[in-house]
């Protein structure tokens, strides 16, 4: 499984499309086996969900995300958790412990 967390500095980005980039985590048996950072190639409506899909991501975590992006991820069977906040390293650990829940927040 591959998880992407939208980040700004060391924190979860509150604006998915405008984040500096994405921490990518490959997870096997609830353990991180590989991590990488991919710079955001730029915000354009509908572009980032396809960019993330092409990276092989199964789950996206962000503070906030627009409705169109959430719909595009759903159409591609990519799970979305929004409403996350704090340090990226802490958030991925919460996810691994199954303690991270989506608020369903939609940026408008």
C-alpha atoms as a PDB file:
ATOM      1  CA  UNK A   1       0.000   0.000   0.000  1.00  0.00           C
ATOM      2  CA  UNK A   2       1.189   3.519  -0.756  1.00  0.00           C
ATOM      3  CA  UNK A   3       0.131   6.585   1.272  1.00  0.00           C
ATOM      4  CA  UNK A   4       0.644  10.236   0.246  1.00  0.00           C
ATOM      5  CA  UNK A   5       0.483  12.998   2.842  1.00  0.00           C
ATOM      6  CA  UNK A   6       0.223  16.576   1.580  1.00  0.00           C
ATOM      7  CA  UNK A   7       2.843  18.548   3.490  1.00  0.00           C
ATOM      8  CA  UNK A   8       4.016  22.071   4.148  1.00  0.00           C
ATOM      9  CA  UNK A   9       7.323  22.116   6.005  1.00  0.00           C
ATOM     10  CA  UNK A  10       7.093  19.336   8.580  1.00  0.00           C
ATOM     11  CA  UNK A  11       3.325  19.698   8.927  1.00  0.00           C
ATOM     12  CA  UNK A  12       0.297  18.277   7.137  1.00  0.00           C
ATOM     13  CA  UNK A  13      -0.771  20.880   4.587  1.00  0.00           C
ATOM     14  CA  UNK A  14      -4.183  22.376   5.202  1.00  0.00           C
ATOM     15  CA  UNK A  15      -4.565  23.001   1.445  1.00  0.00           C
ATOM     16  CA  UNK A  16      -3.932  19.823  -0.581  1.00  0.00           C
ATOM     17  CA  UNK A  17      -3.610  21.548  -3.956  1.00  0.00           C
ATOM     18  CA  UNK A  18      -1.230  24.218  -2.701  1.00  0.00           C
ATOM     19  CA  UNK A  19       1.028  21.997  -0.589  1.00  0.00           C
ATOM     20  CA  UNK A  20       4.770  22.078  -1.194  1.00  0.00           C
ATOM     21  CA  UNK A  21       4.635  18.391  -1.988  1.00  0.00           C
ATOM     22  CA  UNK A  22       3.782  14.911  -0.793  1.00  0.00           C
ATOM     23  CA  UNK A  23       5.458  12.503   1.577  1.00  0.00           C
ATOM     24  CA  UNK A  24       5.048   9.051   0.103  1.00  0.00           C
ATOM     25  CA  UNK A  25       5.080   6.013   2.364  1.00  0.00           C
ATOM     26  CA  UNK A  26       5.106   2.412   1.211  1.00  0.00           C
ATOM     27  CA  UNK A  27       3.509   0.294   3.902  1.00  0.00           C
ATOM     28  CA  UNK A  28       3.642  -3.468   4.347  1.00  0.00           C
ATOM     29  CA  UNK A  29       2.078  -5.220   7.350  1.00  0.00           C
ATOM     30  CA  UNK A  30       1.497  -1.891   9.157  1.00  0.00           C
ATOM     31  CA  UNK A  31       5.163  -0.896   8.852  1.00  0.00           C
ATOM     32  CA  UNK A  32       6.810   1.767   6.699  1.00  0.00           C
ATOM     33  CA  UNK A  33       9.228   0.057   4.317  1.00  0.00           C
ATOM     34  CA  UNK A  34      10.080   3.067   2.161  1.00  0.00           C
ATOM     35  CA  UNK A  35       9.503   6.813   2.195  1.00  0.00           C
ATOM     36  CA  UNK A  36      10.109   9.532  -0.348  1.00  0.00           C
ATOM     37  CA  UNK A  37       9.171  13.144  -1.025  1.00  0.00           C
ATOM     38  CA  UNK A  38       7.662  14.354  -4.302  1.00  0.00           C
ATOM     39  CA  UNK A  39       7.415  18.069  -5.026  1.00  0.00           C
ATOM     40  CA  UNK A  40       4.008  19.423  -5.991  1.00  0.00           C
ATOM     41  CA  UNK A  41       4.162  20.002  -9.781  1.00  0.00           C
ATOM     42  CA  UNK A  42       1.619  22.825  -9.480  1.00  0.00           C
ATOM     43  CA  UNK A  43      -2.059  23.366  -8.812  1.00  0.00           C
ATOM     44  CA  UNK A  44      -4.370  22.990 -11.802  1.00  0.00           C
ATOM     45  CA  UNK A  45      -7.966  21.834 -11.451  1.00  0.00           C
ATOM     46  CA  UNK A  46      -8.184  18.058 -11.829  1.00  0.00           C
ATOM     47  CA  UNK A  47      -4.446  17.585 -12.374  1.00  0.00           C
ATOM     48  CA  UNK A  48      -3.144  16.487  -8.965  1.00  0.00           C
ATOM     49  CA  UNK A  49      -5.503  13.521  -8.489  1.00  0.00           C
ATOM     50  CA  UNK A  50      -4.186  11.996 -11.733  1.00  0.00           C
ATOM     51  CA  UNK A  51      -0.592  12.855 -10.776  1.00  0.00           C
ATOM     52  CA  UNK A  52      -1.063  11.096  -7.419  1.00  0.00           C
ATOM     53  CA  UNK A  53      -2.799   8.131  -9.090  1.00  0.00           C
ATOM     54  CA  UNK A  54       0.141   7.731 -11.485  1.00  0.00           C
ATOM     55  CA  UNK A  55       2.438   7.458  -8.434  1.00  0.00           C
ATOM     56  CA  UNK A  56       0.506   4.339  -7.409  1.00  0.00           C
ATOM     57  CA  UNK A  57      -1.001   5.895  -4.280  1.00  0.00           C
ATOM     58  CA  UNK A  58      -3.889   4.120  -2.499  1.00  0.00           C
ATOM     59  CA  UNK A  59      -4.581   6.707   0.226  1.00  0.00           C
ATOM     60  CA  UNK A  60      -4.195  10.499   0.417  1.00  0.00           C
ATOM     61  CA  UNK A  61      -4.073  12.377   3.722  1.00  0.00           C
ATOM     62  CA  UNK A  62      -4.488  16.164   3.906  1.00  0.00           C
ATOM     63  CA  UNK A  63      -5.838  18.878   6.120  1.00  0.00           C
ATOM     64  CA  UNK A  64      -8.263  20.146   3.521  1.00  0.00           C
ATOM     65  CA  UNK A  65      -9.180  19.241  -0.036  1.00  0.00           C
ATOM     66  CA  UNK A  66     -11.674  20.486  -2.595  1.00  0.00           C
ATOM     67  CA  UNK A  67     -14.778  18.584  -3.583  1.00  0.00           C
ATOM     68  CA  UNK A  68     -13.646  17.942  -7.171  1.00  0.00           C
ATOM     69  CA  UNK A  69     -10.336  16.444  -6.039  1.00  0.00           C
ATOM     70  CA  UNK A  70     -12.139  14.207  -3.548  1.00  0.00           C
ATOM     71  CA  UNK A  71     -14.541  13.052  -6.281  1.00  0.00           C
ATOM     72  CA  UNK A  72     -11.683  12.303  -8.684  1.00  0.00           C
ATOM     73  CA  UNK A  73      -9.890  10.253  -6.038  1.00  0.00           C
ATOM     74  CA  UNK A  74     -13.111   8.327  -5.292  1.00  0.00           C
ATOM     75  CA  UNK A  75     -13.575   7.585  -9.016  1.00  0.00           C
ATOM     76  CA  UNK A  76     -10.063   6.100  -9.030  1.00  0.00           C
ATOM     77  CA  UNK A  77     -10.618   4.037  -5.853  1.00  0.00           C
ATOM     78  CA  UNK A  78      -8.151   6.141  -3.876  1.00  0.00           C
ATOM     79  CA  UNK A  79      -9.175   6.660  -0.254  1.00  0.00           C
ATOM     80  CA  UNK A  80      -9.025  10.195   1.185  1.00  0.00           C
ATOM     81  CA  UNK A  81      -8.598  11.248   4.802  1.00  0.00           C
ATOM     82  CA  UNK A  82      -9.106  14.974   5.373  1.00  0.00           C
ATOM     83  CA  UNK A  83      -9.031  17.032   8.532  1.00  0.00           C
ATOM     84  CA  UNK A  84      -5.576  15.766   9.540  1.00  0.00           C
ATOM     85  CA  UNK A  85      -3.256  18.207  11.273  1.00  0.00           C
ATOM     86  CA  UNK A  86       0.094  18.210  12.996  1.00  0.00           C
ATOM     87  CA  UNK A  87       3.506  16.821  12.174  1.00  0.00           C
ATOM     88  CA  UNK A  88       3.579  14.524   9.147  1.00  0.00           C
ATOM     89  CA  UNK A  89       5.593  11.919  11.094  1.00  0.00           C
ATOM     90  CA  UNK A  90       2.969  11.871  13.869  1.00  0.00           C
ATOM     91  CA  UNK A  91       0.075  11.616  11.409  1.00  0.00           C
ATOM     92  CA  UNK A  92       1.473   8.585   9.593  1.00  0.00           C
ATOM     93  CA  UNK A  93       1.968   6.882  12.970  1.00  0.00           C
ATOM     94  CA  UNK A  94      -1.667   7.610  13.891  1.00  0.00           C
ATOM     95  CA  UNK A  95      -2.700   6.050  10.591  1.00  0.00           C
ATOM     96  CA  UNK A  96      -0.596   2.940  11.230  1.00  0.00           C
ATOM     97  CA  UNK A  97      -2.247   2.577  14.667  1.00  0.00           C
ATOM     98  CA  UNK A  98      -5.647   2.936  12.962  1.00  0.00           C
ATOM     99  CA  UNK A  99      -6.345   6.061  15.023  1.00  0.00           C
ATOM    100  CA  UNK A 100      -6.648   8.562  12.151  1.00  0.00           C
ATOM    101  CA  UNK A 101     -10.187   9.397  11.073  1.00  0.00           C
ATOM    102  CA  UNK A 102     -11.437  11.628   8.269  1.00  0.00           C
ATOM    103  CA  UNK A 103     -13.579  14.619   9.173  1.00  0.00           C
ATOM    104  CA  UNK A 104     -14.979  14.728   5.629  1.00  0.00           C
ATOM    105  CA  UNK A 105     -14.010  18.414   5.420  1.00  0.00           C
ATOM    106  CA  UNK A 106     -14.384  19.952   1.955  1.00  0.00           C
ATOM    107  CA  UNK A 107     -12.525  23.155   1.032  1.00  0.00           C
ATOM    108  CA  UNK A 108     -14.670  25.564  -0.902  1.00  0.00           C
END
